[in-house]
């Protein structure tokens, strides 16, 4: 066989492989084509306009991250292997109102340096939303950026729909998760199960208000991810806020709670479990002094005042969600001189 013939054979094989991949991932390629890097940072954005199967997922639920991985691998990745893990992280949140009457929700996410994804989703049977994903959970890193990956490695980012850490939807409902360093929640009441990040996905897609979000969470058994415990802060466009936490596998709801860090807030003997007491005191004191009134810029500066510079858990992003206008401003990697703005629509 001459060299020319071998060359044409290789071209044919490559073309056939390309056609096969396109046929297999036709819809998913549309989503992956929207993946872009924001300026020259490790912040990325992507739009998910195709079905990622949440309704199907909620019909069976999941009690472990492994079950989520199995569903996502089959539904979105055509059986490609996927690793998904939520490691330890620290956070701070607050809710306030601007002098103009807008309701805002602020959030710091504290974790090791990692690429960040701002994900826009447009489900047919749910609300559009913008959520934030730490791409370390999906295996990416600062030396392994998703835009530099080959197609099959890049396809893993499709799983980001099931890995949000916070977000806001088109109804102006915001949610964020914060870790509690305690025994993981393992509810077993006979209801379908949800894990930490899939609960956030459900709330963003299916709830318009804080009350609706709480009612949805009550319908499922919570099974916390990564061997830890978590609580959620919620805030909506009407100014309603709440913190949902789980103590001894029982859901606790704190209404009109304005801020949170990494310890349980429900009154009781468990309040000494966790950390972030100093950050919480700063948030609470500032909100008390201002009567819960802050401009968006002041809200971002409040997040800056409780930033973590720890080598293991430096703050990766600070976000101010405007629940009235359905917009988000991000500052990343503790650089508060530069803001990146997004909107749900």
Protein backbone atom coordinates (compact mmCIF):
# COMPACT_ATOMS: atom_id res chain seq x y z
CA UNK A 1 0.00 0.00 0.00
CA UNK A 2 1.60 3.30 -1.04
CA UNK A 3 1.92 6.39 1.16
CA UNK A 4 -0.72 8.32 -0.77
CA UNK A 5 -3.24 5.54 -0.27
CA UNK A 6 -2.45 5.35 3.47
CA UNK A 7 -2.94 9.11 3.69
CA UNK A 8 -6.37 8.97 2.11
CA UNK A 9 -7.28 6.06 4.39
CA UNK A 10 -6.36 8.10 7.46
CA UNK A 11 -8.40 11.03 6.17
CA UNK A 12 -11.36 8.71 5.71
CA UNK A 13 -11.01 7.33 9.24
CA UNK A 14 -10.82 10.83 10.73
CA UNK A 15 -13.85 11.97 8.75
CA UNK A 16 -15.81 8.91 9.79
CA UNK A 17 -14.90 9.50 13.45
CA UNK A 18 -15.98 13.12 13.13
CA UNK A 19 -19.31 12.17 11.55
CA UNK A 20 -19.87 9.58 14.28
CA UNK A 21 -19.17 12.08 17.08
CA UNK A 22 -21.40 14.69 15.44
CA UNK A 23 -24.25 12.21 15.08
CA UNK A 24 -23.81 11.06 18.68
CA UNK A 25 -23.50 14.53 20.24
CA UNK A 26 -25.51 16.60 17.76
CA UNK A 27 -27.59 18.50 20.34
CA UNK A 28 -24.80 18.67 22.87
CA UNK A 29 -22.44 20.24 20.32
CA UNK A 30 -24.77 23.26 20.17
CA UNK A 31 -24.32 23.77 23.89
CA UNK A 32 -20.55 23.20 23.82
CA UNK A 33 -20.22 25.72 20.98
CA UNK A 34 -21.40 28.46 23.37
CA UNK A 35 -18.57 27.79 25.82
CA UNK A 36 -16.29 30.83 25.92
CA UNK A 37 -13.57 32.28 28.07
CA UNK A 38 -14.24 35.69 29.59
CA UNK A 39 -11.36 37.92 28.57
CA UNK A 40 -8.09 36.32 29.66
CA UNK A 41 -9.37 35.00 32.97
CA UNK A 42 -10.30 31.59 34.34
CA UNK A 43 -13.95 32.63 34.21
CA UNK A 44 -16.02 30.91 31.53
CA UNK A 45 -19.60 31.15 30.33
CA UNK A 46 -21.90 28.69 28.57
CA UNK A 47 -25.56 28.54 27.51
CA UNK A 48 -27.54 25.32 27.92
CA UNK A 49 -30.62 25.53 25.68
CA UNK A 50 -31.17 21.79 25.21
CA UNK A 51 -32.87 19.36 27.57
CA UNK A 52 -30.59 18.14 30.36
CA UNK A 53 -33.23 15.76 31.71
CA UNK A 54 -34.11 17.29 35.07
CA UNK A 55 -37.74 16.17 34.93
CA UNK A 56 -36.58 12.63 34.23
CA UNK A 57 -34.03 12.85 37.04
CA UNK A 58 -36.61 14.08 39.55
CA UNK A 59 -38.86 11.11 38.80
CA UNK A 60 -36.29 8.81 40.43
CA UNK A 61 -34.06 11.17 42.39
CA UNK A 62 -30.66 10.22 43.77
CA UNK A 63 -29.33 9.43 47.23
CA UNK A 64 -25.62 9.61 46.41
CA UNK A 65 -23.32 11.57 44.13
CA UNK A 66 -22.56 8.25 42.42
CA UNK A 67 -26.21 7.95 41.39
CA UNK A 68 -26.12 11.49 40.00
CA UNK A 69 -22.96 10.65 38.06
CA UNK A 70 -24.59 7.51 36.64
CA UNK A 71 -27.64 9.45 35.45
CA UNK A 72 -25.63 12.32 33.95
CA UNK A 73 -23.19 9.95 32.24
CA UNK A 74 -26.02 8.08 30.53
CA UNK A 75 -28.29 11.04 29.81
CA UNK A 76 -25.81 13.71 28.73
CA UNK A 77 -22.46 12.08 28.06
CA UNK A 78 -23.57 8.98 26.11
CA UNK A 79 -21.88 6.75 28.66
CA UNK A 80 -18.59 8.65 28.88
CA UNK A 81 -16.95 8.27 32.30
CA UNK A 82 -17.46 11.15 34.73
CA UNK A 83 -16.00 12.03 38.10
CA UNK A 84 -17.96 14.34 40.36
CA UNK A 85 -17.07 15.32 43.90
CA UNK A 86 -17.82 18.20 46.24
CA UNK A 87 -14.78 18.80 48.46
CA UNK A 88 -14.70 21.05 51.54
CA UNK A 89 -15.38 24.74 50.97
CA UNK A 90 -16.30 27.83 52.99
CA UNK A 91 -18.81 30.56 52.15
CA UNK A 92 -20.63 33.70 53.27
CA UNK A 93 -24.06 35.01 52.20
CA UNK A 94 -26.34 37.94 52.96
CA UNK A 95 -29.62 39.46 51.78
CA UNK A 96 -30.43 43.19 51.71
CA UNK A 97 -32.37 45.92 49.93
CA UNK A 98 -30.92 48.77 47.90
CA UNK A 99 -31.88 52.43 48.51
CA UNK A 100 -33.85 52.19 45.25
CA UNK A 101 -35.91 49.28 46.55
CA UNK A 102 -34.22 46.39 44.72
CA UNK A 103 -33.66 43.19 46.66
CA UNK A 104 -30.12 41.84 46.46
CA UNK A 105 -28.39 38.67 47.59
CA UNK A 106 -24.62 38.43 48.09
CA UNK A 107 -22.39 35.40 48.17
CA UNK A 108 -18.70 34.51 48.62
CA UNK A 109 -17.52 31.08 47.53
CA UNK A 110 -14.28 30.09 49.24
CA UNK A 111 -12.24 27.28 47.75
CA UNK A 112 -8.85 26.57 46.16
CA UNK A 113 -7.96 28.43 42.91
CA UNK A 114 -9.97 26.88 40.11
CA UNK A 115 -11.77 27.75 36.86
CA UNK A 116 -15.31 29.11 37.28
CA UNK A 117 -18.28 28.63 34.96
CA UNK A 118 -21.25 30.97 34.68
CA UNK A 119 -23.96 28.71 33.26
CA UNK A 120 -27.16 29.96 31.64
CA UNK A 121 -29.90 27.35 31.36
CA UNK A 122 -33.20 27.57 29.45
CA UNK A 123 -35.30 24.47 30.25
CA UNK A 124 -38.54 23.98 28.35
CA UNK A 125 -40.43 22.97 31.49
CA UNK A 126 -38.79 25.28 33.98
CA UNK A 127 -37.41 28.73 34.65
CA UNK A 128 -34.37 30.16 32.93
CA UNK A 129 -31.50 30.76 35.32
CA UNK A 130 -27.87 31.72 35.75
CA UNK A 131 -25.82 29.55 38.09
CA UNK A 132 -22.18 29.36 39.13
CA UNK A 133 -20.17 26.15 38.91
CA UNK A 134 -16.75 25.40 40.36
CA UNK A 135 -15.15 23.46 37.51
CA UNK A 136 -12.75 21.68 39.85
CA UNK A 137 -15.70 19.47 40.78
CA UNK A 138 -15.75 18.23 37.18
CA UNK A 139 -12.02 17.65 36.90
CA UNK A 140 -10.85 20.92 35.34
CA UNK A 141 -8.06 23.08 36.76
CA UNK A 142 -6.03 26.18 36.04
CA UNK A 143 -3.68 24.01 33.96
CA UNK A 144 -6.54 22.04 32.45
CA UNK A 145 -8.99 24.62 31.12
CA UNK A 146 -12.18 23.41 29.43
CA UNK A 147 -11.59 25.48 26.30
CA UNK A 148 -8.18 23.80 25.82
CA UNK A 149 -9.58 20.27 26.14
CA UNK A 150 -10.26 17.85 23.32
CA UNK A 151 -13.87 17.22 22.38
CA UNK A 152 -14.50 14.21 24.62
CA UNK A 153 -12.85 15.88 27.62
CA UNK A 154 -14.72 19.11 26.91
CA UNK A 155 -18.02 17.19 26.80
CA UNK A 156 -17.69 16.60 30.55
CA UNK A 157 -18.69 20.24 31.09
CA UNK A 158 -22.21 19.26 30.08
CA UNK A 159 -22.53 17.81 33.58
CA UNK A 160 -22.28 21.35 34.96
CA UNK A 161 -26.09 21.60 34.85
CA UNK A 162 -26.09 19.27 37.87
CA UNK A 163 -23.26 20.97 39.77
CA UNK A 164 -24.39 24.55 40.62
CA UNK A 165 -23.22 26.14 43.86
CA UNK A 166 -25.49 29.17 43.63
CA UNK A 167 -27.71 30.97 41.15
CA UNK A 168 -30.72 33.11 40.30
CA UNK A 169 -33.70 32.36 38.07
CA UNK A 170 -35.97 34.47 35.89
CA UNK A 171 -38.46 34.91 38.74
CA UNK A 172 -35.81 36.54 40.90
CA UNK A 173 -35.25 33.61 43.26
CA UNK A 174 -31.66 33.19 44.43
CA UNK A 175 -30.08 30.29 46.29
CA UNK A 176 -26.62 29.44 47.60
CA UNK A 177 -25.19 26.49 49.50
CA UNK A 178 -22.80 26.79 52.44
CA UNK A 179 -20.93 23.93 54.07
CA UNK A 180 -21.42 22.89 57.69
CA UNK A 181 -18.63 20.79 59.17
CA UNK A 182 -20.86 18.19 60.75
CA UNK A 183 -22.25 14.73 60.06
CA UNK A 184 -23.81 14.53 56.58
CA UNK A 185 -27.57 14.66 56.23
CA UNK A 186 -29.01 11.25 55.37
CA UNK A 187 -32.79 11.52 55.38
CA UNK A 188 -34.67 8.28 54.88
CA UNK A 189 -38.40 8.85 55.16
CA UNK A 190 -39.47 7.00 52.03
CA UNK A 191 -39.42 10.03 49.76
CA UNK A 192 -37.27 10.30 46.65
CA UNK A 193 -33.72 11.47 47.33
CA UNK A 194 -31.83 14.60 46.35
CA UNK A 195 -28.18 15.52 46.73
CA UNK A 196 -26.80 18.96 47.54
CA UNK A 197 -26.19 20.32 44.04
CA UNK A 198 -29.23 18.65 42.48
CA UNK A 199 -31.39 20.38 45.09
CA UNK A 200 -30.05 23.73 43.86
CA UNK A 201 -30.78 22.75 40.25
CA UNK A 202 -34.35 21.79 41.17
CA UNK A 203 -34.99 25.03 43.05
CA UNK A 204 -33.68 27.21 40.24
CA UNK A 205 -35.70 25.37 37.60
CA UNK A 206 -38.94 24.83 39.50
CA UNK A 207 -39.44 27.48 42.21
CA UNK A 208 -40.46 31.13 41.82
CA UNK A 209 -40.38 32.13 45.48
CA UNK A 210 -38.74 31.19 48.76
CA UNK A 211 -41.95 29.49 49.91
CA UNK A 212 -42.15 27.41 46.73
CA UNK A 213 -38.51 26.40 47.11
CA UNK A 214 -39.05 25.24 50.69
CA UNK A 215 -42.16 23.27 49.71
CA UNK A 216 -40.18 21.55 46.94
CA UNK A 217 -37.34 20.63 49.29
CA UNK A 218 -39.85 19.16 51.74
CA UNK A 219 -40.95 16.68 49.08
CA UNK A 220 -37.54 14.98 48.94
CA UNK A 221 -35.14 13.25 51.30
CA UNK A 222 -31.93 15.26 51.47
CA UNK A 223 -28.72 13.27 51.18
CA UNK A 224 -25.75 15.57 51.53
CA UNK A 225 -22.77 15.28 49.20
CA UNK A 226 -19.14 14.54 49.99
CA UNK A 227 -19.54 13.34 53.57
CA UNK A 228 -20.49 16.73 55.01
CA UNK A 229 -23.52 18.79 55.93
CA UNK A 230 -24.82 21.97 54.29
CA UNK A 231 -27.40 24.68 54.63
CA UNK A 232 -29.00 26.82 51.94
CA UNK A 233 -29.85 30.51 51.98
CA UNK A 234 -32.75 31.59 49.79
CA UNK A 235 -33.94 35.06 48.78
CA UNK A 236 -36.60 36.17 46.30
CA UNK A 237 -37.86 39.22 44.41
CA UNK A 238 -40.41 40.06 47.11
CA UNK A 239 -37.72 40.41 49.75
CA UNK A 240 -38.55 37.13 51.46
CA UNK A 241 -35.53 35.21 52.76
CA UNK A 242 -34.92 31.94 54.57
CA UNK A 243 -32.20 29.54 55.59
CA UNK A 244 -32.86 25.82 55.26
CA UNK A 245 -30.65 23.52 57.31
CA UNK A 246 -30.74 19.90 58.40
CA UNK A 247 -30.08 18.86 61.99
CA UNK A 248 -30.16 15.19 62.98
CA UNK A 249 -31.72 14.55 59.57
CA UNK A 250 -34.60 16.93 60.26
CA UNK A 251 -35.23 20.02 58.11
CA UNK A 252 -35.12 23.32 59.99
CA UNK A 253 -36.29 26.62 58.49
CA UNK A 254 -35.20 30.05 59.67
CA UNK A 255 -37.49 32.67 58.19
CA UNK A 256 -36.28 36.17 57.27
CA UNK A 257 -32.68 35.18 57.98
CA UNK A 258 -30.38 37.81 56.53
CA UNK A 259 -26.92 36.19 56.54
CA UNK A 260 -25.04 32.94 56.99
CA UNK A 261 -21.57 31.41 57.03
CA UNK A 262 -20.39 27.91 57.92
CA UNK A 263 -22.17 27.03 61.15
CA UNK A 264 -25.72 26.05 62.06
CA UNK A 265 -28.01 28.94 62.95
CA UNK A 266 -30.99 27.06 64.39
CA UNK A 267 -30.93 27.70 68.17
CA UNK A 268 -29.59 24.74 70.11
CA UNK A 269 -26.53 22.93 71.41
CA UNK A 270 -25.19 22.39 67.88
CA UNK A 271 -24.30 26.06 67.30
CA UNK A 272 -20.66 25.38 68.19
CA UNK A 273 -20.27 23.09 65.17
CA UNK A 274 -18.70 24.88 62.24
CA UNK A 275 -16.70 28.00 61.59
CA UNK A 276 -17.03 31.49 60.15
CA UNK A 277 -18.30 33.14 63.34
CA UNK A 278 -16.15 36.22 62.76
CA UNK A 279 -17.43 36.57 59.19
CA UNK A 280 -21.00 36.17 60.40
CA UNK A 281 -20.52 38.86 63.06
CA UNK A 282 -19.20 41.26 60.40
CA UNK A 283 -22.13 40.58 58.09
CA UNK A 284 -24.71 40.91 60.85
CA UNK A 285 -23.17 44.08 62.28
CA UNK A 286 -23.05 45.77 58.87
CA UNK A 287 -26.62 44.82 58.02
CA UNK A 288 -27.76 46.02 61.44
CA UNK A 289 -25.97 49.34 61.11
CA UNK A 290 -27.41 49.97 57.64
CA UNK A 291 -30.86 48.55 58.48
CA UNK A 292 -30.38 45.94 55.75
CA UNK A 293 -29.94 48.65 53.13
CA UNK A 294 -26.96 48.52 50.76
CA UNK A 295 -26.24 49.52 47.20
CA UNK A 296 -24.97 46.73 44.96
CA UNK A 297 -21.48 48.21 45.20
CA UNK A 298 -21.71 48.37 48.99
CA UNK A 299 -22.90 44.78 48.94
CA UNK A 300 -19.81 43.76 47.00
CA UNK A 301 -17.62 45.66 49.47
CA UNK A 302 -19.33 43.81 52.31
CA UNK A 303 -18.36 40.56 50.63
CA UNK A 304 -14.81 41.89 50.31
CA UNK A 305 -14.74 42.58 54.06
CA UNK A 306 -15.37 38.88 54.80
CA UNK A 307 -13.13 37.50 52.06
CA UNK A 308 -10.83 34.57 52.82
CA UNK A 309 -7.16 34.83 51.86
CA UNK A 310 -6.27 31.45 53.31
CA UNK A 311 -3.88 29.48 51.06
CA UNK A 312 -6.20 26.48 51.05
CA UNK A 313 -9.54 28.28 50.73
CA UNK A 314 -9.12 31.73 49.20
CA UNK A 315 -12.36 33.31 48.00
CA UNK A 316 -12.91 32.29 44.37
CA UNK A 317 -15.88 34.45 43.52
CA UNK A 318 -18.03 37.11 45.08
CA UNK A 319 -21.46 37.53 43.52
CA UNK A 320 -24.19 40.08 44.04
CA UNK A 321 -27.51 38.88 42.64
CA UNK A 322 -30.18 41.49 42.00
CA UNK A 323 -33.43 39.59 42.52
CA UNK A 324 -35.48 42.51 41.25
CA UNK A 325 -33.60 43.04 38.00
CA UNK A 326 -32.48 39.39 37.59
CA UNK A 327 -28.82 40.35 37.12
CA UNK A 328 -25.53 39.21 38.64
CA UNK A 329 -22.23 40.99 39.20
CA UNK A 330 -19.15 38.86 39.84
CA UNK A 331 -15.71 39.68 41.16
CA UNK A 332 -13.32 36.74 40.88
CA UNK A 333 -10.20 35.67 42.76
CA UNK A 334 -10.43 38.61 45.20
CA UNK A 335 -9.98 41.26 42.51
CA UNK A 336 -12.59 43.89 43.38
CA UNK A 337 -11.44 46.41 40.80
CA UNK A 338 -13.05 44.43 37.97
CA UNK A 339 -16.69 43.33 37.76
CA UNK A 340 -18.23 40.86 35.29
CA UNK A 341 -21.95 41.31 34.71
CA UNK A 342 -24.56 38.80 33.54
CA UNK A 343 -28.34 38.71 33.30
CA UNK A 344 -30.82 35.84 33.24
CA UNK A 345 -32.34 36.98 29.94
